[in-house]
Amino acid sequence: MKKDPKRKICFVITSGIHYSRSSLILKKLSERRDVELQIVVAASAILPQYSDVVPLIEADGFSISAKITMVLEGGNPVAMAKTTGIGVTEFATAFDNLRPDIIVVRGDRYEVLAPAIAGAYLNIPVAHIEGGDVSGTIDESVRHAITKLSHIHFTTHEEAKRRVLAMGEHPAYVFNVGAPELELLERRAQRPKSGLINYLGVGDTIDLDRPFLMVMHHPVTSEVGRNREHVEETLHAVRDIGMPTIWFWPNPDAGTNEVSKGIRIFREIEKPDNIRFIKCVPPEQFIGLLKKTSALVGNSSAGIKEASFLGTPVVNIGSRQQGRARAKNVIDVPYDRTAIRKAILRQVHHGRYAGSKLYFKKGTSSRISSILATVQLYTQKAFHDSSLAR
């Protein structure tokens, strides 16, 4: 009797945080005898100025099947649109060469839309992690577009599953599995290393044995032209508080040049002596920092998901995470230095919150890998009225 061939599952990694959030899924897939794992690394995940994760992936024992250069510099909507177009072309070539049975993508960013489009046109089933969330920017539109291009859906909470069903997706292919990154937090407890943190980036030396803040302030694509003034409000608030602060460099979305320029000019003129600016850290170090920080400030999804599970106090600024389901650890504030400063002080005084399981489920990575390996595949999609949420 002829043995069934292994199912070829192609996992797309487009940023450093995507790799860290997906590493346990990759490990589970690599351990399966019925799976041939392919990893395609693209976009900012291969760019040193953001988070080149190729050495980290290889150090973890994974083989990379393809690398895709696609990011067009410019930090504006035109660059985002053209990057997506370049990505569609390059991913189509990679998928045509690799011939996967399933393509796995994650999230809501423009560089993730490209492989979803390419896979759909090549009649390759697409599996999407994190469909059904809302965020209030162009990312939300991209997320929903990826949902409609995808065949298998892994949502992170029940409300997200309801939204995916309301978009007419087949109920048998929508799975509420929780957020994989929270399983990573549950398993790893490495302490952050002051020597490493202070080796990276520029600015003040941070003593991790003292209370410190973390800042992750990314550009908002629907607010291009105003991102610099928005980040300046955060910069002034954090400087005025005076607590040691680890500030992560912004991602490459439209408006990143505005945020970067605002940071650079602020450093030159104001010369803050309490902030260290860094690009990225290894996943274990990031988790360690998030577990120990007095508060996470900015507009990153890490404040909504990872921080909720850990009970880390969060000051969420502006509209980037608008509409996302959140736990009690989050205080929302506008782009106003006074409001930001007061919220930070309030969160530092409050201390840690009880951890939330809003996005957490046991065995997330095992369940995702099992479904990917065994689910019956299809390519022709149809709208399912019976799945409309009532």
Protein backbone atom coordinates (compact mmCIF):
# COMPACT_ATOMS: atom_id res chain seq x y z
CA MET A 1 0.00 0.00 0.00
CA LYS A 2 1.37 3.39 -1.01
CA LYS A 3 2.08 5.69 1.90
CA ASP A 4 0.38 9.09 1.84
CA PRO A 5 2.84 11.92 1.15
CA LYS A 6 3.50 14.48 3.81
CA ARG A 7 1.33 17.58 3.74
CA LYS A 8 3.43 20.59 2.78
CA ILE A 9 2.60 23.51 5.06
CA CYS A 10 4.16 26.86 4.15
CA PHE A 11 4.38 29.30 7.07
CA VAL A 12 4.95 32.96 6.16
CA ILE A 13 6.97 35.14 8.56
CA THR A 14 6.97 38.89 7.80
CA SER A 15 8.24 40.47 11.03
CA GLY A 16 10.23 39.68 14.14
CA ILE A 17 7.20 39.68 16.38
CA HIS A 18 5.39 37.31 14.00
CA TYR A 19 8.20 34.81 14.41
CA SER A 20 8.28 35.03 18.19
CA ARG A 21 4.48 34.73 18.36
CA SER A 22 4.47 31.72 16.01
CA SER A 23 7.58 29.82 17.14
CA LEU A 24 5.68 27.21 19.17
CA ILE A 25 3.40 26.44 16.21
CA LEU A 26 6.46 25.97 14.01
CA LYS A 27 7.97 23.64 16.59
CA LYS A 28 4.81 21.55 16.76
CA LEU A 29 4.59 21.34 12.96
CA SER A 30 8.25 20.38 12.66
CA GLU A 31 7.71 17.50 15.09
CA ARG A 32 4.89 15.94 13.04
CA ARG A 33 5.77 13.04 10.77
CA ASP A 34 2.88 13.83 8.44
CA VAL A 35 4.04 17.39 7.74
CA GLU A 36 6.77 18.92 5.60
CA LEU A 37 7.29 22.40 7.04
CA GLN A 38 8.26 25.22 4.71
CA ILE A 39 9.16 28.65 6.10
CA VAL A 40 9.16 31.76 3.92
CA VAL A 41 10.70 34.85 5.51
CA ALA A 42 9.86 38.23 4.00
CA ALA A 43 9.41 41.98 4.45
CA SER A 44 10.86 43.56 7.62
CA ALA A 45 11.74 40.12 9.01
CA ILE A 46 14.86 40.11 6.82
CA LEU A 47 15.80 43.77 7.25
CA PRO A 48 18.50 44.57 9.86
CA GLN A 49 17.07 48.03 10.57
CA TYR A 50 13.90 46.42 11.88
CA SER A 51 14.26 42.81 13.03
CA ASP A 52 16.29 40.45 10.87
CA VAL A 53 15.13 37.14 12.36
CA VAL A 54 16.89 34.80 9.92
CA PRO A 55 19.78 34.05 12.34
CA LEU A 56 17.29 33.45 15.18
CA ILE A 57 15.16 31.09 13.05
CA GLU A 58 18.21 29.12 12.00
CA ALA A 59 19.57 29.03 15.56
CA ASP A 60 16.24 27.51 16.64
CA GLY A 61 16.89 24.65 14.21
CA PHE A 62 14.49 25.58 11.41
CA SER A 63 15.33 25.64 7.71
CA ILE A 64 14.24 28.60 5.60
CA SER A 65 12.68 27.65 2.26
CA ALA A 66 12.68 31.13 0.70
CA LYS A 67 13.54 34.74 1.51
CA ILE A 68 11.56 37.52 -0.12
CA THR A 69 12.80 41.09 -0.46
CA MET A 70 9.75 43.28 -0.95
CA VAL A 71 9.77 46.37 1.31
CA LEU A 72 9.90 49.62 -0.64
CA GLU A 73 11.31 52.39 1.55
CA GLY A 74 9.46 55.65 1.94
CA GLY A 75 7.30 55.24 5.02
CA ASN A 76 4.15 56.46 3.27
CA PRO A 77 0.92 55.00 1.83
CA VAL A 78 2.38 54.81 -1.70
CA ALA A 79 5.30 52.71 -0.40
CA MET A 80 2.86 50.42 1.43
CA ALA A 81 0.72 49.93 -1.67
CA LYS A 82 3.73 49.28 -3.91
CA THR A 83 5.30 46.94 -1.34
CA THR A 84 2.10 44.89 -1.38
CA GLY A 85 2.26 44.72 -5.18
CA ILE A 86 5.90 43.63 -5.14
CA GLY A 87 5.03 41.06 -2.51
CA VAL A 88 2.25 39.52 -4.61
CA THR A 89 4.71 39.01 -7.47
CA GLU A 90 7.48 37.57 -5.30
CA PHE A 91 5.22 35.33 -3.22
CA ALA A 92 3.58 33.97 -6.38
CA THR A 93 7.01 32.90 -7.63
CA ALA A 94 7.98 31.37 -4.28
CA PHE A 95 4.72 29.43 -3.96
CA ASP A 96 4.94 28.23 -7.55
CA ASN A 97 8.40 26.83 -6.76
CA LEU A 98 7.53 25.35 -3.34
CA ARG A 99 4.10 23.93 -4.28
CA PRO A 100 2.69 23.94 -0.72
CA ASP A 101 -0.62 22.29 0.20
CA ILE A 102 -1.46 25.10 2.65
CA ILE A 103 -0.15 28.63 3.16
CA VAL A 104 -0.31 30.02 6.72
CA VAL A 105 -0.43 33.79 7.29
CA ARG A 106 -0.99 35.83 10.39
CA GLY A 107 -2.46 39.21 11.30
CA ASP A 108 -3.53 42.32 9.46
CA ARG A 109 -0.54 44.01 7.89
CA TYR A 110 -0.10 44.94 4.24
CA GLU A 111 2.85 42.58 3.76
CA VAL A 112 0.57 39.71 4.90
CA LEU A 113 -2.09 40.61 2.33
CA ALA A 114 0.40 39.85 -0.48
CA PRO A 115 0.84 36.10 0.21
CA ALA A 116 -2.91 35.73 0.78
CA ILE A 117 -3.60 37.20 -2.66
CA ALA A 118 -0.90 35.11 -4.33
CA GLY A 119 -2.07 31.90 -2.64
CA ALA A 120 -5.72 32.49 -3.53
CA TYR A 121 -4.92 33.04 -7.21
CA LEU A 122 -2.72 29.94 -7.27
CA ASN A 123 -5.61 27.87 -5.85
CA ILE A 124 -3.65 27.05 -2.70
CA PRO A 125 -5.71 26.96 0.52
CA VAL A 126 -4.79 29.79 2.88
CA ALA A 127 -4.99 29.51 6.67
CA HIS A 128 -5.29 32.78 8.61
CA ILE A 129 -4.41 33.36 12.26
CA GLU A 130 -6.05 36.32 14.09
CA GLY A 131 -9.01 36.93 11.79
CA GLY A 132 -12.06 38.75 13.10
CA ASP A 133 -10.31 41.33 15.29
CA VAL A 134 -11.04 45.02 14.88
CA SER A 135 -8.56 47.88 15.20
CA GLY A 136 -10.01 50.96 13.53
CA THR A 137 -7.25 51.64 10.94
CA ILE A 138 -6.46 50.37 7.44
CA ASP A 139 -5.11 47.25 9.14
CA GLU A 140 -8.66 46.25 10.00
CA SER A 141 -9.70 46.41 6.33
CA VAL A 142 -6.63 44.37 5.40
CA ARG A 143 -7.43 41.80 8.10
CA HIS A 144 -10.98 41.32 6.81
CA ALA A 145 -9.73 41.12 3.22
CA ILE A 146 -7.32 38.34 4.24
CA THR A 147 -10.24 36.55 5.93
CA LYS A 148 -12.19 36.56 2.64
CA LEU A 149 -9.15 35.23 0.77
CA SER A 150 -8.56 32.50 3.36
CA HIS A 151 -10.07 29.03 3.71
CA ILE A 152 -9.15 28.09 7.29
CA HIS A 153 -9.51 30.51 10.19
CA PHE A 154 -7.87 30.50 13.63
CA THR A 155 -9.42 33.23 15.78
CA THR A 156 -8.09 34.32 19.17
CA HIS A 157 -11.37 34.87 21.03
CA GLU A 158 -15.08 34.11 20.70
CA GLU A 159 -16.17 37.55 19.48
CA ALA A 160 -13.61 37.39 16.69
CA LYS A 161 -14.98 33.99 15.66
CA ARG A 162 -18.49 35.47 15.54
CA ARG A 163 -17.29 38.22 13.19
CA VAL A 164 -15.59 35.73 10.86
CA LEU A 165 -18.79 33.70 10.72
CA ALA A 166 -20.75 36.88 10.03
CA MET A 167 -18.53 37.40 6.97
CA GLY A 168 -19.95 34.21 5.51
CA GLU A 169 -17.11 31.81 6.24
CA HIS A 170 -17.76 28.06 6.50
CA PRO A 171 -18.47 27.20 10.17
CA ALA A 172 -16.52 23.93 9.90
CA TYR A 173 -13.37 25.90 9.08
CA VAL A 174 -13.51 28.57 11.80
CA PHE A 175 -11.68 27.61 15.00
CA ASN A 176 -11.43 29.68 18.19
CA VAL A 177 -8.02 28.51 19.39
CA GLY A 178 -6.80 31.47 21.46
CA ALA A 179 -3.65 33.54 20.90
CA PRO A 180 -0.53 31.38 20.36
CA GLU A 181 1.75 34.03 21.85
CA LEU A 182 0.12 33.61 25.26
CA GLU A 183 1.10 29.98 25.32
CA LEU A 184 4.66 31.19 24.75
CA LEU A 185 4.35 33.51 27.77
CA GLU A 186 3.04 30.68 29.92
CA ARG A 187 6.04 28.47 29.11
CA ARG A 188 8.94 30.91 29.14
CA ALA A 189 10.13 32.82 32.19
CA GLN A 190 13.61 34.01 31.30
CA ARG A 191 14.79 37.09 33.18
CA PRO A 192 15.86 40.08 31.08
CA LYS A 193 19.61 40.75 31.05
CA SER A 194 20.76 44.31 31.76
CA GLY A 195 24.03 43.69 29.93
CA LEU A 196 22.28 42.71 26.71
CA ILE A 197 19.65 45.46 26.87
CA ASN A 198 22.29 48.12 27.43
CA TYR A 199 24.44 46.71 24.62
CA LEU A 200 21.58 47.34 22.19
CA GLY A 201 20.55 50.76 20.95
CA VAL A 202 21.51 54.19 22.24
CA GLY A 203 20.69 56.39 25.21
CA ASP A 204 20.60 56.05 28.97
CA THR A 205 21.85 52.91 30.72
CA ILE A 206 18.87 51.01 32.16
CA ASP A 207 19.08 49.27 35.52
CA LEU A 208 16.53 46.47 35.26
CA ASP A 209 16.60 46.00 39.04
CA ARG A 210 14.83 49.36 39.35
CA PRO A 211 11.29 50.17 38.13
CA PHE A 212 11.26 50.96 34.41
CA LEU A 213 8.82 51.69 31.59
CA MET A 214 8.54 50.18 28.10
CA VAL A 215 7.32 52.20 25.12
CA MET A 216 6.11 50.82 21.78
CA HIS A 217 4.71 53.71 19.76
CA HIS A 218 4.09 52.77 16.10
CA PRO A 219 2.81 54.98 13.26
CA VAL A 220 -0.91 55.00 12.48
CA THR A 221 -1.43 54.62 8.73
CA SER A 222 -4.67 56.62 8.70
CA GLU A 223 -2.95 59.54 10.46
CA VAL A 224 -0.05 60.14 8.06
CA GLY A 225 1.11 63.73 8.43
CA ARG A 226 0.34 63.80 12.16
CA ASN A 227 2.40 60.88 13.47
CA ARG A 228 5.34 63.08 14.44
CA GLU A 229 3.29 65.41 16.61
CA HIS A 230 1.57 62.41 18.18
CA VAL A 231 4.81 60.66 19.16
CA GLU A 232 6.17 63.95 20.53
CA GLU A 233 3.34 63.98 23.08
CA THR A 234 4.44 60.53 24.28
CA LEU A 235 8.12 61.56 24.31
CA HIS A 236 7.45 64.61 26.48
CA ALA A 237 5.26 62.66 28.90
CA VAL A 238 7.84 59.90 29.37
CA ARG A 239 10.73 62.36 29.70
CA ASP A 240 8.84 64.43 32.27
CA ILE A 241 8.12 61.39 34.46
CA GLY A 242 11.83 60.60 34.59
CA MET A 243 11.56 56.82 35.04
CA PRO A 244 14.13 54.69 33.21
CA THR A 245 12.53 53.74 29.90
CA ILE A 246 13.19 51.20 27.14
CA TRP A 247 11.77 52.65 23.91
CA PHE A 248 11.37 50.32 20.91
CA TRP A 249 11.86 51.68 17.39
CA PRO A 250 8.66 51.96 15.25
CA ASN A 251 7.62 49.37 12.67
CA PRO A 252 7.81 50.12 8.88
CA ASP A 253 4.17 51.16 8.36
CA ALA A 254 3.30 54.37 6.54
CA GLY A 255 4.26 57.22 8.85
CA THR A 256 7.35 55.48 10.25
CA ASN A 257 9.63 58.25 8.96
CA GLU A 258 7.54 60.81 10.84
CA VAL A 259 7.83 58.86 14.09
CA SER A 260 11.55 58.21 13.60
CA LYS A 261 12.19 61.88 12.81
CA GLY A 262 10.25 62.95 15.87
CA ILE A 263 12.35 60.65 18.07
CA ARG A 264 15.67 61.76 16.55
CA ILE A 265 14.94 65.49 16.82
CA PHE A 266 13.66 65.05 20.38
CA ARG A 267 16.87 63.25 21.34
CA GLU A 268 19.03 66.00 19.82
CA ILE A 269 17.15 68.94 21.29
CA GLU A 270 15.79 67.65 24.60
CA LYS A 271 18.63 65.21 25.40
CA PRO A 272 16.51 62.95 27.67
CA ASP A 273 18.65 61.13 30.23
CA ASN A 274 16.12 58.43 31.16
CA ILE A 275 15.39 56.75 27.80
CA ARG A 276 17.22 54.01 25.89
CA PHE A 277 16.10 53.55 22.27
CA ILE A 278 16.48 50.04 20.80
CA LYS A 279 15.35 48.25 17.64
CA CYS A 280 14.45 44.83 18.95
CA VAL A 281 15.42 42.12 21.44
CA PRO A 282 15.26 38.30 21.34
CA PRO A 283 11.77 36.92 22.12
CA GLU A 284 12.73 35.57 25.56
CA GLN A 285 14.18 38.93 26.56
CA PHE A 286 11.07 40.76 25.36
CA ILE A 287 8.87 38.45 27.42
CA GLY A 288 11.11 38.99 30.43
CA LEU A 289 10.88 42.77 30.03
CA LEU A 290 7.12 42.66 29.63
CA LYS A 291 6.77 40.60 32.80
CA LYS A 292 8.91 43.00 34.79
CA THR A 293 8.10 46.49 33.48
CA SER A 294 6.05 48.87 35.60
CA ALA A 295 3.94 49.77 32.56
CA LEU A 296 3.83 49.36 28.78
CA VAL A 297 3.09 52.65 27.02
CA GLY A 298 2.14 53.26 23.38
CA ASN A 299 -0.11 51.61 20.83
CA SER A 300 1.17 48.07 20.30
CA SER A 301 -1.05 44.98 20.21
CA ALA A 302 1.34 43.54 22.81
CA GLY A 303 -0.42 45.81 25.30
CA ILE A 304 -3.77 44.30 24.39
CA LYS A 305 -2.81 40.61 24.22
CA GLU A 306 0.46 39.64 25.92
CA ALA A 307 0.14 42.29 28.63
CA SER A 308 -3.44 41.26 29.42
CA PHE A 309 -2.35 37.70 30.20
CA LEU A 310 0.58 38.89 32.32
CA GLY A 311 -1.40 41.60 34.11
CA THR A 312 1.10 44.24 32.97
CA PRO A 313 -0.31 47.78 33.34
CA VAL A 314 -0.82 49.41 29.94
CA VAL A 315 -1.35 52.98 28.75
CA ASN A 316 -2.82 52.68 25.25
CA ILE A 317 -2.48 55.89 23.25
CA GLY A 318 -4.61 57.02 20.33
CA SER A 319 -6.57 55.07 17.75
CA ARG A 320 -4.30 52.24 16.56
CA GLN A 321 -5.91 49.59 18.80
CA GLN A 322 -9.40 51.06 18.62
CA GLY A 323 -12.12 48.44 18.95
CA ARG A 324 -9.95 45.53 20.10
CA ALA A 325 -11.28 43.45 22.96
CA ARG A 326 -9.23 44.35 26.03
CA ALA A 327 -8.84 43.44 29.69
CA LYS A 328 -8.88 45.67 32.78
CA ASN A 329 -5.11 46.32 32.61
CA VAL A 330 -5.52 48.92 29.83
CA ILE A 331 -6.12 52.66 30.23
CA ASP A 332 -6.94 54.46 26.96
CA VAL A 333 -5.78 58.05 26.48
CA PRO A 334 -5.64 60.56 23.61
CA TYR A 335 -2.49 62.09 22.10
CA ASP A 336 -2.00 64.51 24.97
CA ARG A 337 1.15 64.61 27.11
CA THR A 338 -0.71 65.56 30.26
CA ALA A 339 -3.23 62.74 29.90
CA ILE A 340 -0.45 60.30 29.03
CA ARG A 341 1.67 61.34 32.01
CA LYS A 342 -1.24 61.05 34.44
CA ALA A 343 -2.21 57.63 33.09
CA ILE A 344 1.37 56.33 33.38
CA LEU A 345 1.64 57.52 36.98
CA ARG A 346 -1.74 55.96 37.76
CA GLN A 347 -0.70 52.62 36.28
CA VAL A 348 2.69 52.62 38.02
CA HIS A 349 0.94 53.36 41.32
CA HIS A 350 -1.63 50.61 40.68
CA GLY A 351 0.92 47.93 39.98
CA ARG A 352 0.19 44.61 38.30
CA TYR A 353 -3.33 43.45 37.51
CA ALA A 354 -4.78 39.98 37.75
CA GLY A 355 -3.95 38.15 34.55
CA SER A 356 -6.75 37.82 31.99
CA LYS A 357 -7.59 34.75 29.90
CA LEU A 358 -9.51 36.75 27.30
CA TYR A 359 -7.10 35.59 24.58
CA PHE A 360 -5.77 32.44 26.24
CA LYS A 361 -6.58 28.79 25.63
CA LYS A 362 -4.60 25.71 26.64
CA GLY A 363 -2.77 23.84 23.90
CA THR A 364 -3.19 26.49 21.20
CA SER A 365 -0.11 25.55 19.19
CA SER A 366 -0.84 21.82 19.29
CA ARG A 367 -4.41 22.40 18.15
CA ILE A 368 -3.39 24.68 15.27
CA SER A 369 -0.72 22.25 14.07
CA SER A 370 -3.12 19.31 14.28
CA ILE A 371 -5.82 21.11 12.31
CA LEU A 372 -3.35 22.23 9.66
CA ALA A 373 -2.08 18.67 9.27
CA THR A 374 -5.42 16.89 9.11
CA VAL A 375 -8.23 19.23 8.03
CA GLN A 376 -9.87 18.42 4.71
CA LEU A 377 -8.69 20.99 2.17
CA TYR A 378 -10.74 22.87 -0.41
CA THR A 379 -10.15 25.76 -2.78
CA GLN A 380 -13.56 26.93 -4.06
CA LYS A 381 -15.10 29.24 -1.48
CA ALA A 382 -18.80 29.97 -1.04
CA PHE A 383 -20.71 32.41 1.17
CA HIS A 384 -22.46 30.61 4.02
CA ASP A 385 -25.63 32.43 5.10
CA SER A 386 -26.19 29.88 7.87
CA SER A 387 -23.06 31.14 9.60
CA LEU A 388 -24.35 34.68 10.11
CA ALA A 389 -24.17 35.59 13.79
CA ARG A 390 -27.48 36.47 15.35
